[in-house]
Amino acid sequence: MNDLDNLTLKELQELRNKVERAISSFEERKRREAMAAADAAAREHGFSLNELTGAKVAGRRGGKVAPKYANPQNAEQTWTGRGRRPQWVQEALASGRSLEDLAI
């Protein structure tokens, strides 16, 4: 191993970056191995991992959801009705409007 005291700042930063990438790669590899083992165990018992966990499998999401609401002051601002309400929706509701008023 290099004597760290003799390395330049740039060499130390490069070494740190290499270590961080190695750690990230190691963790990701272990995560994939664990998922594969869990999936294999679930299949042994006649289930999918998704069925047992209730989680959606990454990468198998559907397409984009069409927006259901639009900002009357700026039609480029839309909301699908999912997730956190945008500020413009909150402001419209606070001013007495309803979601039906914002529907596309």
C-alpha atoms as a PDB file:
ATOM      1  CA  MET A   1       0.000   0.000   0.000  1.00  0.00           C
ATOM      2  CA  ASN A   2       1.202   3.486  -0.747  1.00  0.00           C
ATOM      3  CA  ASP A   3       2.446   5.611   2.071  1.00  0.00           C
ATOM      4  CA  LEU A   4      -0.462   8.060   2.298  1.00  0.00           C
ATOM      5  CA  ASP A   5       1.705  10.801   3.792  1.00  0.00           C
ATOM      6  CA  ASN A   6       3.771  10.951   0.586  1.00  0.00           C
ATOM      7  CA  LEU A   7       0.807  11.333  -1.788  1.00  0.00           C
ATOM      8  CA  THR A   8      -0.205  14.671  -3.272  1.00  0.00           C
ATOM      9  CA  LEU A   9      -3.675  16.098  -2.711  1.00  0.00           C
ATOM     10  CA  LYS A  10      -4.678  15.094  -6.238  1.00  0.00           C
ATOM     11  CA  GLU A  11      -3.437  11.534  -5.702  1.00  0.00           C
ATOM     12  CA  LEU A  12      -5.324  11.325  -2.390  1.00  0.00           C
ATOM     13  CA  GLN A  13      -8.523  12.564  -4.052  1.00  0.00           C
ATOM     14  CA  GLU A  14      -8.122  10.027  -6.876  1.00  0.00           C
ATOM     15  CA  LEU A  15      -7.563   7.275  -4.324  1.00  0.00           C
ATOM     16  CA  ARG A  16     -10.677   8.373  -2.408  1.00  0.00           C
ATOM     17  CA  ASN A  17     -12.735   8.326  -5.623  1.00  0.00           C
ATOM     18  CA  LYS A  18     -11.499   4.826  -6.451  1.00  0.00           C
ATOM     19  CA  VAL A  19     -12.376   3.612  -2.939  1.00  0.00           C
ATOM     20  CA  GLU A  20     -15.855   5.179  -3.103  1.00  0.00           C
ATOM     21  CA  ARG A  21     -16.506   3.550  -6.504  1.00  0.00           C
ATOM     22  CA  ALA A  22     -15.248   0.196  -5.203  1.00  0.00           C
ATOM     23  CA  ILE A  23     -17.522   0.409  -2.150  1.00  0.00           C
ATOM     24  CA  SER A  24     -20.522   1.369  -4.269  1.00  0.00           C
ATOM     25  CA  SER A  25     -19.820  -1.440  -6.726  1.00  0.00           C
ATOM     26  CA  PHE A  26     -19.405  -3.941  -3.880  1.00  0.00           C
ATOM     27  CA  GLU A  27     -22.682  -2.882  -2.236  1.00  0.00           C
ATOM     28  CA  GLU A  28     -24.581  -3.041  -5.534  1.00  0.00           C
ATOM     29  CA  ARG A  29     -23.148  -6.491  -6.320  1.00  0.00           C
ATOM     30  CA  LYS A  30     -24.145  -7.764  -2.855  1.00  0.00           C
ATOM     31  CA  ARG A  31     -27.624  -6.258  -3.243  1.00  0.00           C
ATOM     32  CA  ARG A  32     -28.099  -8.046  -6.584  1.00  0.00           C
ATOM     33  CA  GLU A  33     -26.858 -11.319  -5.080  1.00  0.00           C
ATOM     34  CA  ALA A  34     -29.271 -10.981  -2.160  1.00  0.00           C
ATOM     35  CA  MET A  35     -32.201 -10.240  -4.494  1.00  0.00           C
ATOM     36  CA  ALA A  36     -31.326 -13.222  -6.681  1.00  0.00           C
ATOM     37  CA  ALA A  37     -31.139 -15.503  -3.623  1.00  0.00           C
ATOM     38  CA  ALA A  38     -34.450 -14.190  -2.276  1.00  0.00           C
ATOM     39  CA  ASP A  39     -36.083 -14.598  -5.685  1.00  0.00           C
ATOM     40  CA  ALA A  40     -34.790 -18.166  -5.993  1.00  0.00           C
ATOM     41  CA  ALA A  41     -36.088 -19.029  -2.516  1.00  0.00           C
ATOM     42  CA  ALA A  42     -39.508 -17.576  -3.328  1.00  0.00           C
ATOM     43  CA  ARG A  43     -39.676 -19.555  -6.587  1.00  0.00           C
ATOM     44  CA  GLU A  44     -38.791 -22.762  -4.719  1.00  0.00           C
ATOM     45  CA  HIS A  45     -42.022 -22.284  -2.792  1.00  0.00           C
ATOM     46  CA  GLY A  46     -44.081 -21.399  -5.854  1.00  0.00           C
ATOM     47  CA  PHE A  47     -44.190 -17.632  -5.431  1.00  0.00           C
ATOM     48  CA  SER A  48     -42.595 -14.621  -7.015  1.00  0.00           C
ATOM     49  CA  LEU A  49     -40.685 -12.242  -4.814  1.00  0.00           C
ATOM     50  CA  ASN A  50     -43.194  -9.567  -5.781  1.00  0.00           C
ATOM     51  CA  GLU A  51     -46.080 -11.703  -4.494  1.00  0.00           C
ATOM     52  CA  LEU A  52     -44.393 -12.170  -1.129  1.00  0.00           C
ATOM     53  CA  THR A  53     -43.242  -8.617  -0.567  1.00  0.00           C
ATOM     54  CA  GLY A  54     -46.018  -6.723  -2.285  1.00  0.00           C
ATOM     55  CA  ALA A  55     -43.307  -4.570  -3.850  1.00  0.00           C
ATOM     56  CA  LYS A  56     -43.212  -3.696  -7.492  1.00  0.00           C
ATOM     57  CA  VAL A  57     -40.268  -5.072  -9.373  1.00  0.00           C
ATOM     58  CA  ALA A  58     -37.883  -2.322 -10.473  1.00  0.00           C
ATOM     59  CA  GLY A  59     -37.802  -1.712 -14.169  1.00  0.00           C
ATOM     60  CA  ARG A  60     -41.278  -3.070 -14.768  1.00  0.00           C
ATOM     61  CA  ARG A  61     -43.192   0.118 -14.306  1.00  0.00           C
ATOM     62  CA  GLY A  62     -45.848   1.119 -16.746  1.00  0.00           C
ATOM     63  CA  GLY A  63     -45.735   4.165 -18.935  1.00  0.00           C
ATOM     64  CA  LYS A  64     -46.221   7.723 -17.868  1.00  0.00           C
ATOM     65  CA  VAL A  65     -49.546   8.687 -16.365  1.00  0.00           C
ATOM     66  CA  ALA A  66     -51.494  11.360 -18.207  1.00  0.00           C
ATOM     67  CA  PRO A  67     -52.031  14.581 -16.266  1.00  0.00           C
ATOM     68  CA  LYS A  68     -55.509  15.104 -14.864  1.00  0.00           C
ATOM     69  CA  TYR A  69     -55.181  18.699 -13.657  1.00  0.00           C
ATOM     70  CA  ALA A  70     -53.727  21.887 -15.094  1.00  0.00           C
ATOM     71  CA  ASN A  71     -52.958  25.290 -13.619  1.00  0.00           C
ATOM     72  CA  PRO A  72     -55.456  27.807 -15.067  1.00  0.00           C
ATOM     73  CA  GLN A  73     -52.797  30.546 -15.000  1.00  0.00           C
ATOM     74  CA  ASN A  74     -50.116  28.380 -16.668  1.00  0.00           C
ATOM     75  CA  ALA A  75     -51.299  25.390 -18.696  1.00  0.00           C
ATOM     76  CA  GLU A  76     -47.742  24.020 -18.787  1.00  0.00           C
ATOM     77  CA  GLN A  77     -48.047  23.199 -15.075  1.00  0.00           C
ATOM     78  CA  THR A  78     -49.904  19.917 -14.771  1.00  0.00           C
ATOM     79  CA  TRP A  79     -50.454  17.272 -12.136  1.00  0.00           C
ATOM     80  CA  THR A  80     -51.451  13.623 -12.498  1.00  0.00           C
ATOM     81  CA  GLY A  81     -53.283  13.543  -9.193  1.00  0.00           C
ATOM     82  CA  ARG A  82     -50.636  11.245  -7.748  1.00  0.00           C
ATOM     83  CA  GLY A  83     -48.097  12.089  -5.103  1.00  0.00           C
ATOM     84  CA  ARG A  84     -47.695  15.383  -3.340  1.00  0.00           C
ATOM     85  CA  ARG A  85     -49.890  18.222  -4.522  1.00  0.00           C
ATOM     86  CA  PRO A  86     -47.983  20.970  -6.318  1.00  0.00           C
ATOM     87  CA  GLN A  87     -47.977  24.430  -4.761  1.00  0.00           C
ATOM     88  CA  TRP A  88     -50.321  25.800  -7.417  1.00  0.00           C
ATOM     89  CA  VAL A  89     -52.903  23.105  -6.576  1.00  0.00           C
ATOM     90  CA  GLN A  90     -52.636  23.872  -2.860  1.00  0.00           C
ATOM     91  CA  GLU A  91     -53.057  27.594  -3.534  1.00  0.00           C
ATOM     92  CA  ALA A  92     -56.091  27.000  -5.769  1.00  0.00           C
ATOM     93  CA  LEU A  93     -57.746  24.794  -3.145  1.00  0.00           C
ATOM     94  CA  ALA A  94     -56.983  27.344  -0.410  1.00  0.00           C
ATOM     95  CA  SER A  95     -58.645  30.061  -2.510  1.00  0.00           C
ATOM     96  CA  GLY A  96     -61.880  28.058  -2.663  1.00  0.00           C
ATOM     97  CA  ARG A  97     -61.466  26.223  -5.962  1.00  0.00           C
ATOM     98  CA  SER A  98     -62.018  22.467  -6.197  1.00  0.00           C
ATOM     99  CA  LEU A  99     -60.017  19.807  -7.979  1.00  0.00           C
ATOM    100  CA  GLU A 100     -62.862  19.593 -10.483  1.00  0.00           C
ATOM    101  CA  ASP A 101     -62.187  23.250 -11.356  1.00  0.00           C
ATOM    102  CA  LEU A 102     -58.598  22.300 -12.248  1.00  0.00           C
ATOM    103  CA  ALA A 103     -59.475  19.149 -14.209  1.00  0.00           C
ATOM    104  CA  ILE A 104     -58.281  18.957 -17.773  1.00  0.00           C
END
